[in-house]
Amino acid sequence: MTSTNGTTSTNGTTSTNGTTAAHRAATDRTTSTHRAPPGDVARLALHQFPYDLRAFLRNPQSRFFTLALPVLFLVIFASVFGGHNTVKVPGGTIDTSVYYVPGIIALGIIGASFVNLVISVTAQREAGVLKRRRATPVPAASVIAGRALTAVVVAVVITTLLLVIGWALYGAHIPARTAPAMAVTVVLGALSFCCLGYALASVIRNEDAAQPVTQAVMLPLYFISGVFIASSVLPRWLVDIANVFPVHHLVAALLTAYNPHTTGAGFAWTDLLIVAAWGLGGLLIALRRFSWLPRGG
């Protein structure tokens, strides 16, 4: 009996150690398999992109909050506060309805690349989708890059839609000389907020908390960063707080490119650098904390 128990105990220990060693070996093999040349990473990211885009388009909630809601906000705010009202901007004044176009574009970019990404990535992680994807030969960088590319494309689409509405309804347009600055700002803003989205997703423990957390983070920043209320009419102390965060600088960079009084190419380099710095910080946090496994918290 003792011998049998001892043997059983020994076998159990051996089995446990063997399982642990096998798991580590499998993890090492998976990690090494996922190391691929940059060309392969880019090719596989482009291959992954249509699937992520299709998943986005098939989700009614994502479509509404990312594509329809910014349009509703633009029409509502421009109708309520527009008319013959004007807003002070660098170089002069513009109609309030025109002012809201770049502000709501910023909201659309953040919705596509930050809010929607945090919610979808958290849901996929907790459902085990990310774990299954990580177990495939597709490099992790390709999976992440494919999702980021989806966010950038959706951000460009909502930006184009809002620009068309601003032109058709409010006579607003981008000066030709600043159009490249607008394009660069949209892409850089989307990529930076993607990095911040992965960083925030890494600290959210369950799917139910994802949307409340993102709204709690972003709604106050929308109000103090010039999205819903012009910064020129806000108390100075609120503007100083907003200056710390990237939303204010994304709005400012978009307004610089959209402002008809802007001279030169329209690149707000200081604001763009601050947005990029926040994105880099988010990337570093995501690299250290991001998990492919469900947390079940």
C-alpha atoms as a PDB file:
ATOM      1  CA  MET A   1       0.000   0.000   0.000  1.00  0.00           C
ATOM      2  CA  THR A   2       2.775   2.368   0.987  1.00  0.00           C
ATOM      3  CA  SER A   3       4.750   1.413  -2.056  1.00  0.00           C
ATOM      4  CA  THR A   4       1.735   1.922  -4.258  1.00  0.00           C
ATOM      5  CA  ASN A   5       0.996   5.315  -2.707  1.00  0.00           C
ATOM      6  CA  GLY A   6       4.584   6.289  -3.001  1.00  0.00           C
ATOM      7  CA  THR A   7       4.641   5.268  -6.592  1.00  0.00           C
ATOM      8  CA  THR A   8       1.440   7.146  -7.207  1.00  0.00           C
ATOM      9  CA  SER A   9       2.845  10.232  -5.510  1.00  0.00           C
ATOM     10  CA  THR A  10       6.019   9.982  -7.512  1.00  0.00           C
ATOM     11  CA  ASN A  11       4.134   9.538 -10.747  1.00  0.00           C
ATOM     12  CA  GLY A  12       1.872  12.468  -9.892  1.00  0.00           C
ATOM     13  CA  THR A  13       4.882  14.661  -9.266  1.00  0.00           C
ATOM     14  CA  THR A  14       6.535  13.484 -12.421  1.00  0.00           C
ATOM     15  CA  SER A  15       3.341  14.038 -14.361  1.00  0.00           C
ATOM     16  CA  THR A  16       2.974  17.576 -13.010  1.00  0.00           C
ATOM     17  CA  ASN A  17       6.574  18.429 -13.724  1.00  0.00           C
ATOM     18  CA  GLY A  18       6.277  16.853 -17.145  1.00  0.00           C
ATOM     19  CA  THR A  19       3.150  18.863 -17.906  1.00  0.00           C
ATOM     20  CA  THR A  20       4.800  22.082 -16.771  1.00  0.00           C
ATOM     21  CA  ALA A  21       7.896  21.387 -18.827  1.00  0.00           C
ATOM     22  CA  ALA A  22       5.789  20.455 -21.847  1.00  0.00           C
ATOM     23  CA  HIS A  23       3.746  23.654 -21.496  1.00  0.00           C
ATOM     24  CA  ARG A  24       6.893  25.763 -21.331  1.00  0.00           C
ATOM     25  CA  ALA A  25       8.367  23.963 -24.311  1.00  0.00           C
ATOM     26  CA  ALA A  26       5.195  24.457 -26.275  1.00  0.00           C
ATOM     27  CA  THR A  27       5.166  28.133 -25.338  1.00  0.00           C
ATOM     28  CA  ASP A  28       8.791  28.486 -26.459  1.00  0.00           C
ATOM     29  CA  ARG A  29       7.999  26.754 -29.742  1.00  0.00           C
ATOM     30  CA  THR A  30       4.971  28.984 -30.271  1.00  0.00           C
ATOM     31  CA  THR A  31       6.995  32.104 -29.533  1.00  0.00           C
ATOM     32  CA  SER A  32       9.783  31.091 -31.879  1.00  0.00           C
ATOM     33  CA  THR A  33       7.259  30.187 -34.561  1.00  0.00           C
ATOM     34  CA  HIS A  34       5.729  33.642 -34.329  1.00  0.00           C
ATOM     35  CA  ARG A  35       9.009  35.365 -35.049  1.00  0.00           C
ATOM     36  CA  ALA A  36       8.801  36.280 -38.688  1.00  0.00           C
ATOM     37  CA  PRO A  37      10.577  38.638 -41.074  1.00  0.00           C
ATOM     38  CA  PRO A  38       9.020  42.124 -41.318  1.00  0.00           C
ATOM     39  CA  GLY A  39       7.838  41.374 -44.841  1.00  0.00           C
ATOM     40  CA  ASP A  40       5.894  38.339 -43.663  1.00  0.00           C
ATOM     41  CA  VAL A  41       4.458  40.277 -40.732  1.00  0.00           C
ATOM     42  CA  ALA A  42       3.162  42.990 -43.064  1.00  0.00           C
ATOM     43  CA  ARG A  43       1.786  40.458 -45.547  1.00  0.00           C
ATOM     44  CA  LEU A  44      -0.038  38.515 -42.844  1.00  0.00           C
ATOM     45  CA  ALA A  45      -1.339  41.742 -41.291  1.00  0.00           C
ATOM     46  CA  LEU A  46      -2.871  42.662 -44.657  1.00  0.00           C
ATOM     47  CA  HIS A  47      -4.318  39.151 -44.819  1.00  0.00           C
ATOM     48  CA  GLN A  48      -5.791  39.532 -41.321  1.00  0.00           C
ATOM     49  CA  PHE A  49      -7.208  42.992 -42.005  1.00  0.00           C
ATOM     50  CA  PRO A  50     -10.303  41.953 -44.062  1.00  0.00           C
ATOM     51  CA  TYR A  51     -11.430  39.569 -41.313  1.00  0.00           C
ATOM     52  CA  ASP A  52     -11.155  42.250 -38.627  1.00  0.00           C
ATOM     53  CA  LEU A  53     -12.950  44.751 -40.851  1.00  0.00           C
ATOM     54  CA  ARG A  54     -15.709  42.234 -41.580  1.00  0.00           C
ATOM     55  CA  ALA A  55     -16.117  41.558 -37.853  1.00  0.00           C
ATOM     56  CA  PHE A  56     -16.472  45.292 -37.251  1.00  0.00           C
ATOM     57  CA  LEU A  57     -19.060  45.728 -40.006  1.00  0.00           C
ATOM     58  CA  ARG A  58     -21.096  42.787 -38.714  1.00  0.00           C
ATOM     59  CA  ASN A  59     -21.362  44.309 -35.244  1.00  0.00           C
ATOM     60  CA  PRO A  60     -24.349  46.712 -35.120  1.00  0.00           C
ATOM     61  CA  GLN A  61     -23.202  48.293 -31.857  1.00  0.00           C
ATOM     62  CA  SER A  62     -19.743  49.032 -33.241  1.00  0.00           C
ATOM     63  CA  ARG A  63     -21.193  50.486 -36.440  1.00  0.00           C
ATOM     64  CA  PHE A  64     -23.563  52.773 -34.556  1.00  0.00           C
ATOM     65  CA  PHE A  65     -21.145  54.144 -31.977  1.00  0.00           C
ATOM     66  CA  THR A  66     -18.254  54.487 -34.426  1.00  0.00           C
ATOM     67  CA  LEU A  67     -19.941  55.664 -37.628  1.00  0.00           C
ATOM     68  CA  ALA A  68     -23.450  56.931 -36.848  1.00  0.00           C
ATOM     69  CA  LEU A  69     -22.936  58.609 -33.468  1.00  0.00           C
ATOM     70  CA  PRO A  70     -20.309  61.159 -34.650  1.00  0.00           C
ATOM     71  CA  VAL A  71     -22.641  62.179 -37.484  1.00  0.00           C
ATOM     72  CA  LEU A  72     -25.504  62.655 -35.020  1.00  0.00           C
ATOM     73  CA  PHE A  73     -23.271  64.694 -32.722  1.00  0.00           C
ATOM     74  CA  LEU A  74     -22.128  66.939 -35.568  1.00  0.00           C
ATOM     75  CA  VAL A  75     -25.679  67.621 -36.773  1.00  0.00           C
ATOM     76  CA  ILE A  76     -27.002  68.208 -33.228  1.00  0.00           C
ATOM     77  CA  PHE A  77     -24.217  70.475 -31.974  1.00  0.00           C
ATOM     78  CA  ALA A  78     -23.943  72.419 -35.232  1.00  0.00           C
ATOM     79  CA  SER A  79     -27.726  72.932 -35.290  1.00  0.00           C
ATOM     80  CA  VAL A  80     -28.040  73.935 -31.629  1.00  0.00           C
ATOM     81  CA  PHE A  81     -24.972  76.141 -31.327  1.00  0.00           C
ATOM     82  CA  GLY A  82     -24.450  77.108 -34.966  1.00  0.00           C
ATOM     83  CA  GLY A  83     -26.501  79.663 -36.826  1.00  0.00           C
ATOM     84  CA  HIS A  84     -24.780  83.045 -36.857  1.00  0.00           C
ATOM     85  CA  ASN A  85     -22.547  82.309 -33.855  1.00  0.00           C
ATOM     86  CA  THR A  86     -18.779  82.395 -34.254  1.00  0.00           C
ATOM     87  CA  VAL A  87     -15.806  80.956 -32.382  1.00  0.00           C
ATOM     88  CA  LYS A  88     -12.406  82.553 -31.886  1.00  0.00           C
ATOM     89  CA  VAL A  89      -9.604  80.535 -33.450  1.00  0.00           C
ATOM     90  CA  PRO A  90      -5.972  81.374 -34.223  1.00  0.00           C
ATOM     91  CA  GLY A  91      -5.995  84.045 -36.942  1.00  0.00           C
ATOM     92  CA  GLY A  92      -9.625  85.151 -36.612  1.00  0.00           C
ATOM     93  CA  THR A  93     -13.083  83.667 -36.169  1.00  0.00           C
ATOM     94  CA  ILE A  94     -15.080  80.907 -37.855  1.00  0.00           C
ATOM     95  CA  ASP A  95     -18.716  79.853 -37.725  1.00  0.00           C
ATOM     96  CA  THR A  96     -19.544  77.625 -34.781  1.00  0.00           C
ATOM     97  CA  SER A  97     -20.977  74.979 -37.100  1.00  0.00           C
ATOM     98  CA  VAL A  98     -17.668  74.904 -38.968  1.00  0.00           C
ATOM     99  CA  TYR A  99     -15.722  74.683 -35.701  1.00  0.00           C
ATOM    100  CA  TYR A 100     -17.535  71.500 -34.721  1.00  0.00           C
ATOM    101  CA  VAL A 101     -16.381  69.598 -37.800  1.00  0.00           C
ATOM    102  CA  PRO A 102     -12.736  69.009 -36.691  1.00  0.00           C
ATOM    103  CA  GLY A 103     -13.846  68.521 -33.076  1.00  0.00           C
ATOM    104  CA  ILE A 104     -16.292  65.768 -33.972  1.00  0.00           C
ATOM    105  CA  ILE A 105     -13.707  64.284 -36.363  1.00  0.00           C
ATOM    106  CA  ALA A 106     -11.456  63.877 -33.316  1.00  0.00           C
ATOM    107  CA  LEU A 107     -14.318  62.123 -31.524  1.00  0.00           C
ATOM    108  CA  GLY A 108     -14.768  59.819 -34.519  1.00  0.00           C
ATOM    109  CA  ILE A 109     -11.053  58.972 -34.669  1.00  0.00           C
ATOM    110  CA  ILE A 110     -10.973  58.187 -30.953  1.00  0.00           C
ATOM    111  CA  GLY A 111     -14.161  56.150 -31.225  1.00  0.00           C
ATOM    112  CA  ALA A 112     -12.706  54.019 -34.024  1.00  0.00           C
ATOM    113  CA  SER A 113      -9.168  53.579 -32.729  1.00  0.00           C
ATOM    114  CA  PHE A 114      -9.589  53.696 -28.952  1.00  0.00           C
ATOM    115  CA  VAL A 115     -13.120  53.103 -27.643  1.00  0.00           C
ATOM    116  CA  ASN A 116     -14.130  50.410 -30.141  1.00  0.00           C
ATOM    117  CA  LEU A 117     -10.706  48.761 -29.958  1.00  0.00           C
ATOM    118  CA  VAL A 118     -10.723  48.539 -26.140  1.00  0.00           C
ATOM    119  CA  ILE A 119     -14.213  47.024 -26.091  1.00  0.00           C
ATOM    120  CA  SER A 120     -13.605  44.531 -28.924  1.00  0.00           C
ATOM    121  CA  VAL A 121     -10.138  43.436 -27.787  1.00  0.00           C
ATOM    122  CA  THR A 122     -11.332  42.904 -24.218  1.00  0.00           C
ATOM    123  CA  ALA A 123     -14.336  40.899 -25.434  1.00  0.00           C
ATOM    124  CA  GLN A 124     -12.162  38.760 -27.716  1.00  0.00           C
ATOM    125  CA  ARG A 125      -9.633  38.143 -24.953  1.00  0.00           C
ATOM    126  CA  GLU A 126     -12.263  37.031 -22.446  1.00  0.00           C
ATOM    127  CA  ALA A 127     -13.993  34.824 -25.055  1.00  0.00           C
ATOM    128  CA  GLY A 128     -10.693  33.062 -25.788  1.00  0.00           C
ATOM    129  CA  VAL A 129     -10.468  34.365 -29.351  1.00  0.00           C
ATOM    130  CA  LEU A 130      -7.087  36.023 -28.795  1.00  0.00           C
ATOM    131  CA  LYS A 131      -5.759  32.870 -27.136  1.00  0.00           C
ATOM    132  CA  ARG A 132      -6.744  30.774 -30.155  1.00  0.00           C
ATOM    133  CA  ARG A 133      -5.256  33.320 -32.550  1.00  0.00           C
ATOM    134  CA  ARG A 134      -2.012  33.353 -30.574  1.00  0.00           C
ATOM    135  CA  ALA A 135      -1.799  29.566 -30.907  1.00  0.00           C
ATOM    136  CA  THR A 136      -1.788  29.777 -34.711  1.00  0.00           C
ATOM    137  CA  PRO A 137       1.376  30.263 -36.792  1.00  0.00           C
ATOM    138  CA  VAL A 138       0.329  33.865 -37.507  1.00  0.00           C
ATOM    139  CA  PRO A 139       2.801  36.209 -35.729  1.00  0.00           C
ATOM    140  CA  ALA A 140       1.388  38.219 -32.850  1.00  0.00           C
ATOM    141  CA  ALA A 141       2.569  41.414 -34.531  1.00  0.00           C
ATOM    142  CA  SER A 142       0.429  40.601 -37.575  1.00  0.00           C
ATOM    143  CA  VAL A 143      -2.678  40.058 -35.455  1.00  0.00           C
ATOM    144  CA  ILE A 144      -2.157  43.377 -33.659  1.00  0.00           C
ATOM    145  CA  ALA A 145      -1.212  45.258 -36.831  1.00  0.00           C
ATOM    146  CA  GLY A 146      -4.264  43.912 -38.670  1.00  0.00           C
ATOM    147  CA  ARG A 147      -6.556  45.168 -35.916  1.00  0.00           C
ATOM    148  CA  ALA A 148      -4.775  48.542 -35.856  1.00  0.00           C
ATOM    149  CA  LEU A 149      -5.094  48.835 -39.646  1.00  0.00           C
ATOM    150  CA  THR A 150      -8.834  48.251 -39.316  1.00  0.00           C
ATOM    151  CA  ALA A 151      -9.046  51.098 -36.801  1.00  0.00           C
ATOM    152  CA  VAL A 152      -7.090  53.449 -39.075  1.00  0.00           C
ATOM    153  CA  VAL A 153      -9.266  52.648 -42.100  1.00  0.00           C
ATOM    154  CA  VAL A 154     -12.462  53.179 -40.107  1.00  0.00           C
ATOM    155  CA  ALA A 155     -11.046  56.470 -38.763  1.00  0.00           C
ATOM    156  CA  VAL A 156     -10.321  57.632 -42.313  1.00  0.00           C
ATOM    157  CA  VAL A 157     -13.837  56.649 -43.410  1.00  0.00           C
ATOM    158  CA  ILE A 158     -15.583  58.541 -40.591  1.00  0.00           C
ATOM    159  CA  THR A 159     -13.300  61.534 -41.184  1.00  0.00           C
ATOM    160  CA  THR A 160     -14.208  61.601 -44.874  1.00  0.00           C
ATOM    161  CA  LEU A 161     -17.909  61.263 -44.048  1.00  0.00           C
ATOM    162  CA  LEU A 162     -17.809  64.157 -41.577  1.00  0.00           C
ATOM    163  CA  LEU A 163     -15.853  66.336 -44.002  1.00  0.00           C
ATOM    164  CA  VAL A 164     -18.459  65.725 -46.701  1.00  0.00           C
ATOM    165  CA  ILE A 165     -21.300  66.546 -44.292  1.00  0.00           C
ATOM    166  CA  GLY A 166     -19.475  69.686 -43.139  1.00  0.00           C
ATOM    167  CA  TRP A 167     -19.028  70.796 -46.744  1.00  0.00           C
ATOM    168  CA  ALA A 168     -22.590  69.948 -47.829  1.00  0.00           C
ATOM    169  CA  LEU A 169     -24.478  71.337 -44.817  1.00  0.00           C
ATOM    170  CA  TYR A 170     -22.260  74.080 -43.421  1.00  0.00           C
ATOM    171  CA  GLY A 171     -20.079  75.214 -46.316  1.00  0.00           C
ATOM    172  CA  ALA A 172     -16.920  74.092 -44.537  1.00  0.00           C
ATOM    173  CA  HIS A 173     -13.945  72.811 -46.467  1.00  0.00           C
ATOM    174  CA  ILE A 174     -10.245  72.075 -46.033  1.00  0.00           C
ATOM    175  CA  PRO A 175      -7.837  74.484 -47.702  1.00  0.00           C
ATOM    176  CA  ALA A 176      -5.956  72.544 -50.388  1.00  0.00           C
ATOM    177  CA  ARG A 177      -2.595  73.537 -48.918  1.00  0.00           C
ATOM    178  CA  THR A 178      -3.443  71.926 -45.550  1.00  0.00           C
ATOM    179  CA  ALA A 179      -5.094  68.725 -46.833  1.00  0.00           C
ATOM    180  CA  PRO A 180      -1.868  66.665 -46.400  1.00  0.00           C
ATOM    181  CA  ALA A 181      -1.625  67.899 -42.805  1.00  0.00           C
ATOM    182  CA  MET A 182      -5.185  66.757 -42.170  1.00  0.00           C
ATOM    183  CA  ALA A 183      -4.415  63.297 -43.585  1.00  0.00           C
ATOM    184  CA  VAL A 184      -1.233  62.918 -41.517  1.00  0.00           C
ATOM    185  CA  THR A 185      -3.020  64.080 -38.371  1.00  0.00           C
ATOM    186  CA  VAL A 186      -5.849  61.572 -38.846  1.00  0.00           C
ATOM    187  CA  VAL A 187      -3.495  58.620 -39.398  1.00  0.00           C
ATOM    188  CA  LEU A 188      -1.089  59.591 -36.604  1.00  0.00           C
ATOM    189  CA  GLY A 189      -3.975  60.212 -34.221  1.00  0.00           C
ATOM    190  CA  ALA A 190      -5.561  56.860 -35.040  1.00  0.00           C
ATOM    191  CA  LEU A 191      -2.300  54.940 -34.578  1.00  0.00           C
ATOM    192  CA  SER A 192      -1.496  56.710 -31.305  1.00  0.00           C
ATOM    193  CA  PHE A 193      -4.935  56.049 -29.850  1.00  0.00           C
ATOM    194  CA  CYS A 194      -4.692  52.416 -31.001  1.00  0.00           C
ATOM    195  CA  CYS A 195      -1.600  52.084 -28.809  1.00  0.00           C
ATOM    196  CA  LEU A 196      -3.438  53.739 -25.930  1.00  0.00           C
ATOM    197  CA  GLY A 197      -6.371  51.404 -26.531  1.00  0.00           C
ATOM    198  CA  TYR A 198      -4.189  48.306 -26.222  1.00  0.00           C
ATOM    199  CA  ALA A 199      -2.668  49.782 -23.065  1.00  0.00           C
ATOM    200  CA  LEU A 200      -6.079  50.372 -21.467  1.00  0.00           C
ATOM    201  CA  ALA A 201      -7.362  46.950 -22.554  1.00  0.00           C
ATOM    202  CA  SER A 202      -4.413  45.385 -20.741  1.00  0.00           C
ATOM    203  CA  VAL A 203      -5.623  46.688 -17.362  1.00  0.00           C
ATOM    204  CA  ILE A 204      -9.374  46.000 -17.810  1.00  0.00           C
ATOM    205  CA  ARG A 205     -10.182  42.664 -16.216  1.00  0.00           C
ATOM    206  CA  ASN A 206     -13.501  41.727 -17.827  1.00  0.00           C
ATOM    207  CA  GLU A 207     -15.730  42.475 -20.781  1.00  0.00           C
ATOM    208  CA  ASP A 208     -18.484  44.141 -18.745  1.00  0.00           C
ATOM    209  CA  ALA A 209     -16.101  46.816 -17.487  1.00  0.00           C
ATOM    210  CA  ALA A 210     -14.705  47.784 -20.896  1.00  0.00           C
ATOM    211  CA  GLN A 211     -17.383  50.214 -22.075  1.00  0.00           C
ATOM    212  CA  PRO A 212     -17.972  51.963 -18.702  1.00  0.00           C
ATOM    213  CA  VAL A 213     -14.224  52.444 -18.231  1.00  0.00           C
ATOM    214  CA  THR A 214     -13.666  53.896 -21.699  1.00  0.00           C
ATOM    215  CA  GLN A 215     -16.639  56.257 -21.340  1.00  0.00           C
ATOM    216  CA  ALA A 216     -15.511  57.357 -17.876  1.00  0.00           C
ATOM    217  CA  VAL A 217     -12.062  58.129 -19.290  1.00  0.00           C
ATOM    218  CA  MET A 218     -13.139  59.889 -22.485  1.00  0.00           C
ATOM    219  CA  LEU A 219     -16.342  61.824 -21.733  1.00  0.00           C
ATOM    220  CA  PRO A 220     -14.737  64.370 -19.355  1.00  0.00           C
ATOM    221  CA  LEU A 221     -11.871  64.837 -21.830  1.00  0.00           C
ATOM    222  CA  TYR A 222     -14.301  65.494 -24.680  1.00  0.00           C
ATOM    223  CA  PHE A 223     -15.883  68.341 -22.698  1.00  0.00           C
ATOM    224  CA  ILE A 224     -12.638  70.038 -21.648  1.00  0.00           C
ATOM    225  CA  SER A 225     -10.619  69.428 -24.840  1.00  0.00           C
ATOM    226  CA  GLY A 226     -12.634  71.438 -27.355  1.00  0.00           C
ATOM    227  CA  VAL A 227     -14.747  68.629 -28.806  1.00  0.00           C
ATOM    228  CA  PHE A 228     -18.144  69.706 -27.474  1.00  0.00           C
ATOM    229  CA  ILE A 229     -17.257  73.165 -26.144  1.00  0.00           C
ATOM    230  CA  ALA A 230     -14.754  75.527 -27.732  1.00  0.00           C
ATOM    231  CA  SER A 231     -11.582  75.847 -25.681  1.00  0.00           C
ATOM    232  CA  SER A 232     -11.730  79.637 -26.097  1.00  0.00           C
ATOM    233  CA  VAL A 233     -14.807  79.813 -23.814  1.00  0.00           C
ATOM    234  CA  LEU A 234     -13.620  77.347 -21.168  1.00  0.00           C
ATOM    235  CA  PRO A 235     -12.070  78.433 -17.851  1.00  0.00           C
ATOM    236  CA  ARG A 236      -8.319  78.614 -18.078  1.00  0.00           C
ATOM    237  CA  TRP A 237      -7.760  75.968 -15.389  1.00  0.00           C
ATOM    238  CA  LEU A 238      -9.797  73.438 -17.381  1.00  0.00           C
ATOM    239  CA  VAL A 239      -7.775  74.207 -20.498  1.00  0.00           C
ATOM    240  CA  ASP A 240      -4.565  73.703 -18.501  1.00  0.00           C
ATOM    241  CA  ILE A 241      -5.796  70.274 -17.385  1.00  0.00           C
ATOM    242  CA  ALA A 242      -6.807  69.367 -20.933  1.00  0.00           C
ATOM    243  CA  ASN A 243      -3.342  70.345 -22.168  1.00  0.00           C
ATOM    244  CA  VAL A 244      -1.906  67.361 -20.331  1.00  0.00           C
ATOM    245  CA  PHE A 245      -3.923  64.831 -22.323  1.00  0.00           C
ATOM    246  CA  PRO A 246      -3.747  63.827 -26.000  1.00  0.00           C
ATOM    247  CA  VAL A 247      -7.398  64.534 -26.871  1.00  0.00           C
ATOM    248  CA  HIS A 248      -6.862  68.299 -26.643  1.00  0.00           C
ATOM    249  CA  HIS A 249      -3.787  68.132 -28.866  1.00  0.00           C
ATOM    250  CA  LEU A 250      -5.506  65.945 -31.462  1.00  0.00           C
ATOM    251  CA  VAL A 251      -8.379  68.458 -31.640  1.00  0.00           C
ATOM    252  CA  ALA A 252      -5.910  71.345 -31.890  1.00  0.00           C
ATOM    253  CA  ALA A 253      -3.950  69.662 -34.694  1.00  0.00           C
ATOM    254  CA  LEU A 254      -7.123  68.913 -36.658  1.00  0.00           C
ATOM    255  CA  LEU A 255      -8.367  72.483 -36.146  1.00  0.00           C
ATOM    256  CA  THR A 256      -5.051  73.867 -37.388  1.00  0.00           C
ATOM    257  CA  ALA A 257      -5.375  71.850 -40.607  1.00  0.00           C
ATOM    258  CA  TYR A 258      -9.058  72.784 -40.974  1.00  0.00           C
ATOM    259  CA  ASN A 259      -8.830  76.443 -40.018  1.00  0.00           C
ATOM    260  CA  PRO A 260      -9.137  78.695 -43.117  1.00  0.00           C
ATOM    261  CA  HIS A 261      -6.952  81.303 -41.347  1.00  0.00           C
ATOM    262  CA  THR A 262      -4.015  78.878 -41.082  1.00  0.00           C
ATOM    263  CA  THR A 263      -0.956  79.915 -43.051  1.00  0.00           C
ATOM    264  CA  GLY A 264       1.572  77.456 -44.372  1.00  0.00           C
ATOM    265  CA  ALA A 265       1.158  73.674 -44.615  1.00  0.00           C
ATOM    266  CA  GLY A 266      -1.031  73.371 -41.520  1.00  0.00           C
ATOM    267  CA  PHE A 267       1.089  70.930 -39.522  1.00  0.00           C
ATOM    268  CA  ALA A 268       0.731  71.509 -35.761  1.00  0.00           C
ATOM    269  CA  TRP A 269       4.044  69.849 -34.974  1.00  0.00           C
ATOM    270  CA  THR A 270       3.990  70.418 -31.227  1.00  0.00           C
ATOM    271  CA  ASP A 271       0.512  68.936 -30.880  1.00  0.00           C
ATOM    272  CA  LEU A 272       1.396  66.022 -33.161  1.00  0.00           C
ATOM    273  CA  LEU A 273       4.523  65.259 -31.154  1.00  0.00           C
ATOM    274  CA  ILE A 274       2.541  65.228 -27.913  1.00  0.00           C
ATOM    275  CA  VAL A 275      -0.058  62.878 -29.411  1.00  0.00           C
ATOM    276  CA  ALA A 276       2.735  60.625 -30.699  1.00  0.00           C
ATOM    277  CA  ALA A 277       4.455  60.660 -27.292  1.00  0.00           C
ATOM    278  CA  TRP A 278       1.239  59.510 -25.632  1.00  0.00           C
ATOM    279  CA  GLY A 279       0.942  56.781 -28.249  1.00  0.00           C
ATOM    280  CA  LEU A 280       4.512  55.644 -27.580  1.00  0.00           C
ATOM    281  CA  GLY A 281       3.805  55.546 -23.860  1.00  0.00           C
ATOM    282  CA  GLY A 282       0.702  53.462 -24.503  1.00  0.00           C
ATOM    283  CA  LEU A 283       2.721  51.101 -26.692  1.00  0.00           C
ATOM    284  CA  LEU A 284       5.312  50.562 -23.954  1.00  0.00           C
ATOM    285  CA  ILE A 285       2.590  49.780 -21.404  1.00  0.00           C
ATOM    286  CA  ALA A 286       0.862  47.417 -23.820  1.00  0.00           C
ATOM    287  CA  LEU A 287       4.118  45.566 -24.544  1.00  0.00           C
ATOM    288  CA  ARG A 288       4.646  44.950 -20.832  1.00  0.00           C
ATOM    289  CA  ARG A 289       1.098  44.188 -19.726  1.00  0.00           C
ATOM    290  CA  PHE A 290      -0.958  42.956 -22.685  1.00  0.00           C
ATOM    291  CA  SER A 291      -2.283  39.418 -22.243  1.00  0.00           C
ATOM    292  CA  TRP A 292      -3.663  37.002 -24.814  1.00  0.00           C
ATOM    293  CA  LEU A 293      -5.297  34.874 -22.103  1.00  0.00           C
ATOM    294  CA  PRO A 294      -8.688  35.468 -20.455  1.00  0.00           C
ATOM    295  CA  ARG A 295      -8.424  37.048 -17.038  1.00  0.00           C
ATOM    296  CA  GLY A 296     -11.881  36.101 -15.844  1.00  0.00           C
ATOM    297  CA  GLY A 297     -11.885  38.881 -13.277  1.00  0.00           C
END
